[in-house]
Amino acid sequence: MKTQVTQLFGMNVYTEKAVYVGDVDDVLLDIDGKKIESLAVGNLNTDIADPKGHRGYLIPYRVIKTIGDIIIIRHISSAFRKAGGEKKL
């Protein structure tokens, strides 16, 4: 999975179940480890996420499945609500 860091900015982020999460606002780097640590995602889909006063979420790079025209992450059920605002149990 090779790409330029600058290409990630503004990309749409979806789960592997085709649920829109948000857009990449920033990329956090681990300079010592020479790797991407996480993606700062804003413009959140409020149907699945409750930002609780925050502007976005940090998505750990390890949950990214693929990067192409969009970014696809693993769908972590406990991290998202069902559409319509209900919390998943």
PDB file of N, CA and C in Angstrom:
ATOM      1  N   MET A   1       0.849  -1.169   0.000  1.00  0.00           N
ATOM      2  CA  MET A   1       0.000   0.000   0.000  1.00  0.00           C
ATOM      3  C   MET A   1       0.901   1.241   0.000  1.00  0.00           C
ATOM      4  N   LYS A   2       1.370   1.662  -1.182  1.00  0.00           N
ATOM      5  CA  LYS A   2       2.222   2.844  -1.286  1.00  0.00           C
ATOM      6  C   LYS A   2       1.434   4.000  -1.874  1.00  0.00           C
ATOM      7  N   THR A   3       1.585   5.157  -1.257  1.00  0.00           N
ATOM      8  CA  THR A   3       0.951   6.377  -1.751  1.00  0.00           C
ATOM      9  C   THR A   3       1.660   7.571  -1.119  1.00  0.00           C
ATOM     10  N   GLN A   4       1.530   8.727  -1.709  1.00  0.00           N
ATOM     11  CA  GLN A   4       2.074   9.950  -1.138  1.00  0.00           C
ATOM     12  C   GLN A   4       1.148  10.413  -0.014  1.00  0.00           C
ATOM     13  N   VAL A   5       1.711  10.878   1.080  1.00  0.00           N
ATOM     14  CA  VAL A   5       0.909  11.347   2.212  1.00  0.00           C
ATOM     15  C   VAL A   5      -0.026  12.475   1.777  1.00  0.00           C
ATOM     16  N   THR A   6       0.448  13.355   0.920  1.00  0.00           N
ATOM     17  CA  THR A   6      -0.370  14.489   0.499  1.00  0.00           C
ATOM     18  C   THR A   6      -1.612  14.060  -0.276  1.00  0.00           C
ATOM     19  N   GLN A   7      -1.593  12.875  -0.872  1.00  0.00           N
ATOM     20  CA  GLN A   7      -2.759  12.379  -1.611  1.00  0.00           C
ATOM     21  C   GLN A   7      -3.890  11.958  -0.679  1.00  0.00           C
ATOM     22  N   LEU A   8      -3.588  11.744   0.599  1.00  0.00           N
ATOM     23  CA  LEU A   8      -4.604  11.296   1.554  1.00  0.00           C
ATOM     24  C   LEU A   8      -5.544  12.421   1.979  1.00  0.00           C
ATOM     25  N   PHE A   9      -5.066  13.667   1.945  1.00  0.00           N
ATOM     26  CA  PHE A   9      -5.875  14.796   2.403  1.00  0.00           C
ATOM     27  C   PHE A   9      -7.141  14.940   1.566  1.00  0.00           C
ATOM     28  N   GLY A  10      -8.275  15.030   2.249  1.00  0.00           N
ATOM     29  CA  GLY A  10      -9.554  15.207   1.580  1.00  0.00           C
ATOM     30  C   GLY A  10     -10.198  13.922   1.078  1.00  0.00           C
ATOM     31  N   MET A  11      -9.502  12.796   1.200  1.00  0.00           N
ATOM     32  CA  MET A  11     -10.078  11.536   0.719  1.00  0.00           C
ATOM     33  C   MET A  11     -11.252  11.114   1.599  1.00  0.00           C
ATOM     34  N   ASN A  12     -12.247  10.499   0.980  1.00  0.00           N
ATOM     35  CA  ASN A  12     -13.393   9.959   1.713  1.00  0.00           C
ATOM     36  C   ASN A  12     -12.984   8.672   2.407  1.00  0.00           C
ATOM     37  N   VAL A  13     -13.501   8.479   3.619  1.00  0.00           N
ATOM     38  CA  VAL A  13     -13.234   7.267   4.391  1.00  0.00           C
ATOM     39  C   VAL A  13     -14.543   6.504   4.557  1.00  0.00           C
ATOM     40  N   TYR A  14     -14.523   5.234   4.182  1.00  0.00           N
ATOM     41  CA  TYR A  14     -15.678   4.340   4.299  1.00  0.00           C
ATOM     42  C   TYR A  14     -15.259   3.090   5.051  1.00  0.00           C
ATOM     43  N   THR A  15     -16.235   2.433   5.693  1.00  0.00           N
ATOM     44  CA  THR A  15     -15.959   1.130   6.291  1.00  0.00           C
ATOM     45  C   THR A  15     -16.077   0.078   5.199  1.00  0.00           C
ATOM     46  N   GLU A  16     -15.632  -1.131   5.500  1.00  0.00           N
ATOM     47  CA  GLU A  16     -15.728  -2.225   4.536  1.00  0.00           C
ATOM     48  C   GLU A  16     -17.176  -2.639   4.280  1.00  0.00           C
ATOM     49  N   LYS A  17     -18.114  -2.105   5.078  1.00  0.00           N
ATOM     50  CA  LYS A  17     -19.542  -2.353   4.859  1.00  0.00           C
ATOM     51  C   LYS A  17     -20.192  -1.183   4.125  1.00  0.00           C
ATOM     52  N   ALA A  18     -19.380  -0.373   3.451  1.00  0.00           N
ATOM     53  CA  ALA A  18     -19.819   0.754   2.624  1.00  0.00           C
ATOM     54  C   ALA A  18     -20.527   1.854   3.412  1.00  0.00           C
ATOM     55  N   VAL A  19     -20.110   2.066   4.656  1.00  0.00           N
ATOM     56  CA  VAL A  19     -20.665   3.135   5.486  1.00  0.00           C
ATOM     57  C   VAL A  19     -19.691   4.314   5.461  1.00  0.00           C
ATOM     58  N   TYR A  20     -20.189   5.484   5.046  1.00  0.00           N
ATOM     59  CA  TYR A  20     -19.357   6.688   5.006  1.00  0.00           C
ATOM     60  C   TYR A  20     -19.014   7.114   6.426  1.00  0.00           C
ATOM     61  N   VAL A  21     -17.723   7.370   6.691  1.00  0.00           N
ATOM     62  CA  VAL A  21     -17.264   7.798   8.012  1.00  0.00           C
ATOM     63  C   VAL A  21     -16.959   9.292   8.024  1.00  0.00           C
ATOM     64  N   GLY A  22     -16.189   9.779   7.057  1.00  0.00           N
ATOM     65  CA  GLY A  22     -15.811  11.187   7.000  1.00  0.00           C
ATOM     66  C   GLY A  22     -14.723  11.409   5.968  1.00  0.00           C
ATOM     67  N   ASP A  23     -14.041  12.558   6.064  1.00  0.00           N
ATOM     68  CA  ASP A  23     -12.965  12.923   5.139  1.00  0.00           C
ATOM     69  C   ASP A  23     -11.673  13.126   5.916  1.00  0.00           C
ATOM     70  N   VAL A  24     -10.548  12.804   5.291  1.00  0.00           N
ATOM     71  CA  VAL A  24      -9.243  12.970   5.929  1.00  0.00           C
ATOM     72  C   VAL A  24      -8.898  14.457   6.000  1.00  0.00           C
ATOM     73  N   ASP A  25      -8.692  14.947   7.225  1.00  0.00           N
ATOM     74  CA  ASP A  25      -8.285  16.335   7.454  1.00  0.00           C
ATOM     75  C   ASP A  25      -6.781  16.456   7.658  1.00  0.00           C
ATOM     76  N   ASP A  26      -6.183  15.426   8.269  1.00  0.00           N
ATOM     77  CA  ASP A  26      -4.767  15.494   8.606  1.00  0.00           C
ATOM     78  C   ASP A  26      -4.214  14.086   8.750  1.00  0.00           C
ATOM     79  N   VAL A  27      -2.886  13.993   8.713  1.00  0.00           N
ATOM     80  CA  VAL A  27      -2.191  12.719   8.861  1.00  0.00           C
ATOM     81  C   VAL A  27      -1.195  12.879   9.996  1.00  0.00           C
ATOM     82  N   LEU A  28      -1.251  11.990  10.992  1.00  0.00           N
ATOM     83  CA  LEU A  28      -0.317  12.033  12.110  1.00  0.00           C
ATOM     84  C   LEU A  28       0.807  11.047  11.849  1.00  0.00           C
ATOM     85  N   LEU A  29       2.046  11.548  11.926  1.00  0.00           N
ATOM     86  CA  LEU A  29       3.214  10.736  11.624  1.00  0.00           C
ATOM     87  C   LEU A  29       3.977  10.380  12.884  1.00  0.00           C
ATOM     88  N   ASP A  30       4.529   9.172  12.913  1.00  0.00           N
ATOM     89  CA  ASP A  30       5.466   8.744  13.944  1.00  0.00           C
ATOM     90  C   ASP A  30       6.848   8.918  13.322  1.00  0.00           C
ATOM     91  N   ILE A  31       7.485  10.039  13.612  1.00  0.00           N
ATOM     92  CA  ILE A  31       8.759  10.377  12.983  1.00  0.00           C
ATOM     93  C   ILE A  31       9.840   9.372  13.362  1.00  0.00           C
ATOM     94  N   ASP A  32       9.893   8.978  14.637  1.00  0.00           N
ATOM     95  CA  ASP A  32      10.912   8.022  15.077  1.00  0.00           C
ATOM     96  C   ASP A  32      10.729   6.667  14.400  1.00  0.00           C
ATOM     97  N   GLY A  33       9.490   6.221  14.293  1.00  0.00           N
ATOM     98  CA  GLY A  33       9.207   4.929  13.673  1.00  0.00           C
ATOM     99  C   GLY A  33       9.088   4.996  12.163  1.00  0.00           C
ATOM    100  N   LYS A  34       9.137   6.203  11.608  1.00  0.00           N
ATOM    101  CA  LYS A  34       9.046   6.432  10.162  1.00  0.00           C
ATOM    102  C   LYS A  34       7.808   5.789   9.553  1.00  0.00           C
ATOM    103  N   LYS A  35       6.652   6.068  10.181  1.00  0.00           N
ATOM    104  CA  LYS A  35       5.404   5.497   9.673  1.00  0.00           C
ATOM    105  C   LYS A  35       4.232   6.418  10.001  1.00  0.00           C
ATOM    106  N   ILE A  36       3.110   6.172   9.329  1.00  0.00           N
ATOM    107  CA  ILE A  36       1.883   6.906   9.626  1.00  0.00           C
ATOM    108  C   ILE A  36       1.253   6.282  10.860  1.00  0.00           C
ATOM    109  N   GLU A  37       0.907   7.123  11.831  1.00  0.00           N
ATOM    110  CA  GLU A  37       0.290   6.638  13.066  1.00  0.00           C
ATOM    111  C   GLU A  37      -1.230   6.582  12.940  1.00  0.00           C
ATOM    112  N   SER A  38      -1.834   7.661  12.456  1.00  0.00           N
ATOM    113  CA  SER A  38      -3.293   7.690  12.335  1.00  0.00           C
ATOM    114  C   SER A  38      -3.718   8.782  11.360  1.00  0.00           C
ATOM    115  N   LEU A  39      -4.996   8.717  10.997  1.00  0.00           N
ATOM    116  CA  LEU A  39      -5.604   9.729  10.144  1.00  0.00           C
ATOM    117  C   LEU A  39      -6.595  10.524  10.973  1.00  0.00           C
ATOM    118  N   ALA A  40      -6.540  11.839  10.871  1.00  0.00           N
ATOM    119  CA  ALA A  40      -7.528  12.699  11.524  1.00  0.00           C
ATOM    120  C   ALA A  40      -8.674  12.874  10.536  1.00  0.00           C
ATOM    121  N   VAL A  41      -9.854  12.399  10.925  1.00  0.00           N
ATOM    122  CA  VAL A  41     -11.018  12.400  10.036  1.00  0.00           C
ATOM    123  C   VAL A  41     -12.042  13.397  10.556  1.00  0.00           C
ATOM    124  N   GLY A  42     -12.466  14.301   9.685  1.00  0.00           N
ATOM    125  CA  GLY A  42     -13.486  15.287  10.009  1.00  0.00           C
ATOM    126  C   GLY A  42     -14.681  15.121   9.094  1.00  0.00           C
ATOM    127  N   ASN A  43     -15.579  16.103   9.091  1.00  0.00           N
ATOM    128  CA  ASN A  43     -16.809  16.033   8.300  1.00  0.00           C
ATOM    129  C   ASN A  43     -17.499  14.692   8.546  1.00  0.00           C
ATOM    130  N   LEU A  44     -17.655  14.363   9.833  1.00  0.00           N
ATOM    131  CA  LEU A  44     -18.144  13.044  10.235  1.00  0.00           C
ATOM    132  C   LEU A  44     -19.592  12.800   9.857  1.00  0.00           C
ATOM    133  N   ASN A  45     -19.882  11.566   9.546  1.00  0.00           N
ATOM    134  CA  ASN A  45     -21.249  11.102   9.314  1.00  0.00           C
ATOM    135  C   ASN A  45     -21.913  11.003  10.684  1.00  0.00           C
ATOM    136  N   THR A  46     -22.761  11.952  11.019  1.00  0.00           N
ATOM    137  CA  THR A  46     -23.369  11.984  12.354  1.00  0.00           C
ATOM    138  C   THR A  46     -24.420  10.898  12.554  1.00  0.00           C
ATOM    139  N   ASP A  47     -24.789  10.182  11.484  1.00  0.00           N
ATOM    140  CA  ASP A  47     -25.706   9.052  11.641  1.00  0.00           C
ATOM    141  C   ASP A  47     -25.024   7.873  12.326  1.00  0.00           C
ATOM    142  N   ILE A  48     -23.699   7.785  12.201  1.00  0.00           N
ATOM    143  CA  ILE A  48     -22.998   6.646  12.802  1.00  0.00           C
ATOM    144  C   ILE A  48     -22.043   7.048  13.913  1.00  0.00           C
ATOM    145  N   ALA A  49     -21.716   8.339  14.002  1.00  0.00           N
ATOM    146  CA  ALA A  49     -20.719   8.777  14.974  1.00  0.00           C
ATOM    147  C   ALA A  49     -21.245   9.950  15.788  1.00  0.00           C
ATOM    148  N   ASP A  50     -20.866   9.982  17.048  1.00  0.00           N
ATOM    149  CA  ASP A  50     -21.227  11.088  17.926  1.00  0.00           C
ATOM    150  C   ASP A  50     -19.939  11.798  18.328  1.00  0.00           C
ATOM    151  N   PRO A  51     -19.611  12.914  17.680  1.00  0.00           N
ATOM    152  CA  PRO A  51     -18.336  13.572  17.952  1.00  0.00           C
ATOM    153  C   PRO A  51     -18.203  14.152  19.357  1.00  0.00           C
ATOM    154  N   LYS A  52     -19.291  14.295  20.097  1.00  0.00           N
ATOM    155  CA  LYS A  52     -19.262  14.775  21.489  1.00  0.00           C
ATOM    156  C   LYS A  52     -18.412  16.030  21.648  1.00  0.00           C
ATOM    157  N   GLY A  53     -18.652  17.022  20.807  1.00  0.00           N
ATOM    158  CA  GLY A  53     -17.931  18.281  20.918  1.00  0.00           C
ATOM    159  C   GLY A  53     -16.575  18.306  20.238  1.00  0.00           C
ATOM    160  N   HIS A  54     -16.141  17.198  19.681  1.00  0.00           N
ATOM    161  CA  HIS A  54     -14.862  17.148  18.975  1.00  0.00           C
ATOM    162  C   HIS A  54     -15.097  17.417  17.492  1.00  0.00           C
ATOM    163  N   ARG A  55     -14.061  17.839  16.808  1.00  0.00           N
ATOM    164  CA  ARG A  55     -14.189  18.135  15.381  1.00  0.00           C
ATOM    165  C   ARG A  55     -14.050  16.888  14.521  1.00  0.00           C
ATOM    166  N   GLY A  56     -13.568  15.799  15.087  1.00  0.00           N
ATOM    167  CA  GLY A  56     -13.373  14.587  14.298  1.00  0.00           C
ATOM    168  C   GLY A  56     -12.833  13.447  15.133  1.00  0.00           C
ATOM    169  N   TYR A  57     -12.389  12.424  14.450  1.00  0.00           N
ATOM    170  CA  TYR A  57     -11.833  11.233  15.095  1.00  0.00           C
ATOM    171  C   TYR A  57     -10.443  10.953  14.558  1.00  0.00           C
ATOM    172  N   LEU A  58      -9.641  10.274  15.372  1.00  0.00           N
ATOM    173  CA  LEU A  58      -8.368   9.744  14.911  1.00  0.00           C
ATOM    174  C   LEU A  58      -8.588   8.274  14.580  1.00  0.00           C
ATOM    175  N   ILE A  59      -8.305   7.903  13.357  1.00  0.00           N
ATOM    176  CA  ILE A  59      -8.451   6.521  12.911  1.00  0.00           C
ATOM    177  C   ILE A  59      -7.058   5.907  12.881  1.00  0.00           C
ATOM    178  N   PRO A  60      -6.778   4.899  13.726  1.00  0.00           N
ATOM    179  CA  PRO A  60      -5.452   4.270  13.707  1.00  0.00           C
ATOM    180  C   PRO A  60      -5.147   3.690  12.321  1.00  0.00           C
ATOM    181  N   TYR A  61      -3.933   3.867  11.875  1.00  0.00           N
ATOM    182  CA  TYR A  61      -3.562   3.410  10.539  1.00  0.00           C
ATOM    183  C   TYR A  61      -3.702   1.895  10.392  1.00  0.00           C
ATOM    184  N   ARG A  62      -3.579   1.171  11.485  1.00  0.00           N
ATOM    185  CA  ARG A  62      -3.656  -0.296  11.431  1.00  0.00           C
ATOM    186  C   ARG A  62      -5.042  -0.810  11.040  1.00  0.00           C
ATOM    187  N   VAL A  63      -6.095   0.009  11.144  1.00  0.00           N
ATOM    188  CA  VAL A  63      -7.436  -0.454  10.764  1.00  0.00           C
ATOM    189  C   VAL A  63      -7.751  -0.173   9.296  1.00  0.00           C
ATOM    190  N   ILE A  64      -6.815   0.453   8.585  1.00  0.00           N
ATOM    191  CA  ILE A  64      -7.023   0.714   7.161  1.00  0.00           C
ATOM    192  C   ILE A  64      -6.821  -0.579   6.387  1.00  0.00           C
ATOM    193  N   LYS A  65      -7.806  -0.904   5.549  1.00  0.00           N
ATOM    194  CA  LYS A  65      -7.725  -2.106   4.719  1.00  0.00           C
ATOM    195  C   LYS A  65      -7.102  -1.802   3.367  1.00  0.00           C
ATOM    196  N   THR A  66      -7.509  -0.687   2.755  1.00  0.00           N
ATOM    197  CA  THR A  66      -6.978  -0.341   1.438  1.00  0.00           C
ATOM    198  C   THR A  66      -7.126   1.156   1.169  1.00  0.00           C
ATOM    199  N   ILE A  67      -6.247   1.646   0.307  1.00  0.00           N
ATOM    200  CA  ILE A  67      -6.301   3.036  -0.136  1.00  0.00           C
ATOM    201  C   ILE A  67      -6.292   3.033  -1.655  1.00  0.00           C
ATOM    202  N   GLY A  68      -7.280   3.685  -2.235  1.00  0.00           N
ATOM    203  CA  GLY A  68      -7.376   3.818  -3.689  1.00  0.00           C
ATOM    204  C   GLY A  68      -7.983   5.172  -3.979  1.00  0.00           C
ATOM    205  N   ASP A  69      -9.131   5.176  -4.646  1.00  0.00           N
ATOM    206  CA  ASP A  69      -9.869   6.423  -4.854  1.00  0.00           C
ATOM    207  C   ASP A  69     -10.504   6.888  -3.548  1.00  0.00           C
ATOM    208  N   ILE A  70     -10.759   5.938  -2.651  1.00  0.00           N
ATOM    209  CA  ILE A  70     -11.258   6.199  -1.298  1.00  0.00           C
ATOM    210  C   ILE A  70     -10.423   5.375  -0.331  1.00  0.00           C
ATOM    211  N   ILE A  71     -10.611   5.627   0.956  1.00  0.00           N
ATOM    212  CA  ILE A  71      -9.943   4.833   1.991  1.00  0.00           C
ATOM    213  C   ILE A  71     -10.987   3.926   2.615  1.00  0.00           C
ATOM    214  N   ILE A  72     -10.667   2.644   2.703  1.00  0.00           N
ATOM    215  CA  ILE A  72     -11.577   1.678   3.316  1.00  0.00           C
ATOM    216  C   ILE A  72     -10.946   1.180   4.610  1.00  0.00           C
ATOM    217  N   ILE A  73     -11.737   1.275   5.702  1.00  0.00           N
ATOM    218  CA  ILE A  73     -11.268   0.805   7.005  1.00  0.00           C
ATOM    219  C   ILE A  73     -12.117  -0.378   7.456  1.00  0.00           C
ATOM    220  N   ARG A  74     -11.577  -1.130   8.416  1.00  0.00           N
ATOM    221  CA  ARG A  74     -12.361  -2.223   9.003  1.00  0.00           C
ATOM    222  C   ARG A  74     -13.581  -1.642   9.694  1.00  0.00           C
ATOM    223  N   HIS A  75     -14.703  -2.330   9.589  1.00  0.00           N
ATOM    224  CA  HIS A  75     -15.929  -1.901  10.272  1.00  0.00           C
ATOM    225  C   HIS A  75     -15.871  -2.451  11.693  1.00  0.00           C
ATOM    226  N   ILE A  76     -15.736  -1.574  12.654  1.00  0.00           N
ATOM    227  CA  ILE A  76     -15.676  -1.976  14.062  1.00  0.00           C
ATOM    228  C   ILE A  76     -17.021  -1.628  14.673  1.00  0.00           C
ATOM    229  N   SER A  77     -17.847  -2.642  14.872  1.00  0.00           N
ATOM    230  CA  SER A  77     -19.237  -2.448  15.304  1.00  0.00           C
ATOM    231  C   SER A  77     -19.356  -1.578  16.544  1.00  0.00           C
ATOM    232  N   SER A  78     -18.496  -1.785  17.510  1.00  0.00           N
ATOM    233  CA  SER A  78     -18.610  -1.045  18.770  1.00  0.00           C
ATOM    234  C   SER A  78     -18.262   0.434  18.613  1.00  0.00           C
ATOM    235  N   ALA A  79     -17.641   0.801  17.500  1.00  0.00           N
ATOM    236  CA  ALA A  79     -17.246   2.195  17.296  1.00  0.00           C
ATOM    237  C   ALA A  79     -18.325   3.025  16.617  1.00  0.00           C
ATOM    238  N   PHE A  80     -19.346   2.367  16.061  1.00  0.00           N
ATOM    239  CA  PHE A  80     -20.361   3.076  15.291  1.00  0.00           C
ATOM    240  C   PHE A  80     -21.756   2.765  15.790  1.00  0.00           C
ATOM    241  N   ARG A  81     -22.652   3.751  15.605  1.00  0.00           N
ATOM    242  CA  ARG A  81     -24.069   3.554  15.899  1.00  0.00           C
ATOM    243  C   ARG A  81     -24.749   3.038  14.649  1.00  0.00           C
ATOM    244  N   LYS A  82     -25.930   2.459  14.841  1.00  0.00           N
ATOM    245  CA  LYS A  82     -26.761   2.109  13.692  1.00  0.00           C
ATOM    246  C   LYS A  82     -27.294   3.396  13.093  1.00  0.00           C
ATOM    247  N   ALA A  83     -27.601   3.385  11.808  1.00  0.00           N
ATOM    248  CA  ALA A  83     -28.219   4.553  11.172  1.00  0.00           C
ATOM    249  C   ALA A  83     -29.525   4.849  11.887  1.00  0.00           C
ATOM    250  N   GLY A  84     -29.803   6.099  12.125  1.00  0.00           N
ATOM    251  CA  GLY A  84     -31.009   6.477  12.854  1.00  0.00           C
ATOM    252  C   GLY A  84     -30.703   6.864  14.282  1.00  0.00           C
ATOM    253  N   GLY A  85     -29.431   6.749  14.691  1.00  0.00           N
ATOM    254  CA  GLY A  85     -29.034   7.235  15.991  1.00  0.00           C
ATOM    255  C   GLY A  85     -29.028   6.228  17.122  1.00  0.00           C
ATOM    256  N   GLU A  86     -29.471   4.994  16.891  1.00  0.00           N
ATOM    257  CA  GLU A  86     -29.468   4.009  17.969  1.00  0.00           C
ATOM    258  C   GLU A  86     -28.058   3.479  18.162  1.00  0.00           C
ATOM    259  N   LYS A  87     -27.674   3.278  19.414  1.00  0.00           N
ATOM    260  CA  LYS A  87     -26.388   2.672  19.695  1.00  0.00           C
ATOM    261  C   LYS A  87     -26.502   1.188  19.432  1.00  0.00           C
ATOM    262  N   LYS A  88     -25.460   0.610  18.840  1.00  0.00           N
ATOM    263  CA  LYS A  88     -25.449  -0.838  18.654  1.00  0.00           C
ATOM    264  C   LYS A  88     -25.213  -1.508  19.995  1.00  0.00           C
ATOM    265  N   LEU A  89     -25.804  -2.645  20.188  1.00  0.00           N
ATOM    266  CA  LEU A  89     -25.605  -3.402  21.426  1.00  0.00           C
ATOM    267  C   LEU A  89     -24.650  -4.530  21.229  1.00  0.00           C
TER     268      LEU A  89
END
